[in-house]
């Protein structure tokens, strides 16, 4: 998925579902590398970049790197631009509002 298209789609989804600007957003991305050494080097680069603070989960499977980012919706554009610069091999697979179980149960109790 093209990152600029992902950003536009996420903005429509987030605001269309009633999520305000202060909500958390979960981004799933996948990067494929030629060899496992290249993926190790890119992980090091990723975690030493400003993008490293947004990574909530990283999983290496051979030459593939699966990433999950957790960010505030107002940081989404910065995060996607930085991802494209730091890890151009990455393809965004999905963007969705982050749902916390303890908040869902609290909302239902009111």
Protein backbone atom coordinates (compact mmCIF):
# COMPACT_ATOMS: atom_id res chain seq x y z
CA UNK A 1 0.00 0.00 0.00
CA UNK A 2 1.36 3.42 -0.90
CA UNK A 3 2.12 5.31 2.33
CA UNK A 4 0.48 8.55 1.21
CA UNK A 5 -2.67 6.63 0.29
CA UNK A 6 -2.50 4.81 3.62
CA UNK A 7 -2.37 8.13 5.43
CA UNK A 8 -5.41 9.51 3.58
CA UNK A 9 -7.34 6.27 4.12
CA UNK A 10 -6.51 6.23 7.81
CA UNK A 11 -7.61 9.84 8.29
CA UNK A 12 -11.01 9.08 6.73
CA UNK A 13 -11.36 5.89 8.79
CA UNK A 14 -10.29 7.49 12.05
CA UNK A 15 -12.52 10.53 11.78
CA UNK A 16 -15.38 8.60 10.15
CA UNK A 17 -15.51 6.25 13.13
CA UNK A 18 -15.57 9.14 15.59
CA UNK A 19 -11.95 8.96 16.72
CA UNK A 20 -10.53 12.33 17.67
CA UNK A 21 -7.07 13.72 17.14
CA UNK A 22 -5.76 12.38 20.46
CA UNK A 23 -6.47 8.69 19.77
CA UNK A 24 -3.74 6.07 19.37
CA UNK A 25 -3.18 4.45 15.98
CA UNK A 26 -1.70 1.04 15.15
CA UNK A 27 0.27 0.64 11.91
CA UNK A 28 1.31 -2.75 10.56
CA UNK A 29 4.16 -2.92 8.05
CA UNK A 30 6.18 -5.61 6.29
CA UNK A 31 9.65 -5.30 4.78
CA UNK A 32 11.36 -7.95 2.65
CA UNK A 33 15.15 -8.06 2.30
CA UNK A 34 17.53 -9.98 0.05
CA UNK A 35 19.31 -11.69 2.96
CA UNK A 36 19.07 -11.94 6.73
CA UNK A 37 22.20 -9.81 7.30
CA UNK A 38 20.55 -6.92 5.48
CA UNK A 39 17.44 -7.27 7.68
CA UNK A 40 19.59 -7.23 10.84
CA UNK A 41 21.33 -4.04 9.71
CA UNK A 42 18.01 -2.37 8.87
CA UNK A 43 16.62 -3.27 12.32
CA UNK A 44 19.63 -1.54 13.91
CA UNK A 45 19.05 1.51 11.69
CA UNK A 46 15.34 1.52 12.53
CA UNK A 47 15.83 1.43 16.30
CA UNK A 48 18.49 4.16 16.19
CA UNK A 49 16.24 6.50 14.18
CA UNK A 50 13.44 8.75 15.52
CA UNK A 51 11.06 6.01 14.34
CA UNK A 52 12.38 3.58 16.96
CA UNK A 53 10.22 5.04 19.71
CA UNK A 54 7.05 4.16 17.78
CA UNK A 55 7.89 0.45 17.34
CA UNK A 56 5.73 -1.65 19.65
CA UNK A 57 6.63 -5.00 18.08
CA UNK A 58 9.23 -6.25 15.60
CA UNK A 59 9.50 -9.81 14.36
CA UNK A 60 12.07 -11.19 11.94
CA UNK A 61 11.09 -14.24 9.88
CA UNK A 62 14.05 -15.12 7.66
CA UNK A 63 14.44 -12.19 5.26
CA UNK A 64 11.09 -10.61 6.23
CA UNK A 65 10.61 -8.06 8.96
CA UNK A 66 7.12 -7.55 10.43
CA UNK A 67 6.63 -4.31 12.33
CA UNK A 68 3.89 -2.87 14.48
CA UNK A 69 3.95 0.81 15.32
CA UNK A 70 1.92 2.57 18.00
CA UNK A 71 1.53 6.32 17.60
CA UNK A 72 -0.82 9.19 18.33
CA UNK A 73 -3.00 10.04 15.35
CA UNK A 74 -1.47 13.52 15.12
CA UNK A 75 2.00 11.91 14.67
CA UNK A 76 0.84 9.61 11.88
CA UNK A 77 2.06 11.76 8.96
CA UNK A 78 5.51 12.19 10.55
CA UNK A 79 5.73 8.48 11.30
CA UNK A 80 4.86 7.46 7.73
CA UNK A 81 7.30 9.97 6.18
CA UNK A 82 10.07 8.79 8.49
CA UNK A 83 9.27 5.13 7.78
CA UNK A 84 9.58 5.80 4.05
CA UNK A 85 12.95 7.51 4.59
CA UNK A 86 14.44 5.05 7.12
CA UNK A 87 13.01 1.81 5.75
CA UNK A 88 12.00 2.33 2.09
CA UNK A 89 11.48 -1.44 1.67
CA UNK A 90 8.58 -1.38 4.14
CA UNK A 91 5.01 -1.65 2.88
CA UNK A 92 2.16 -0.57 5.10
CA UNK A 93 -0.33 -3.42 5.47
CA UNK A 94 -2.85 -1.71 7.69
CA UNK A 95 -3.69 1.32 9.80
CA UNK A 96 -6.35 1.13 12.47
CA UNK A 97 -7.35 2.83 15.72
CA UNK A 98 -5.65 1.25 18.73
CA UNK A 99 -8.22 -0.22 21.11
CA UNK A 100 -7.32 -0.80 24.74
CA UNK A 101 -9.35 -3.52 26.49
CA UNK A 102 -9.56 -1.66 29.81
CA UNK A 103 -11.04 1.40 28.07
CA UNK A 104 -13.64 -0.64 26.18
CA UNK A 105 -14.94 -2.23 29.39
CA UNK A 106 -15.05 1.20 31.09
CA UNK A 107 -17.10 2.70 28.25
CA UNK A 108 -19.64 -0.11 28.41
CA UNK A 109 -20.16 0.39 32.17
CA UNK A 110 -21.40 3.99 31.84
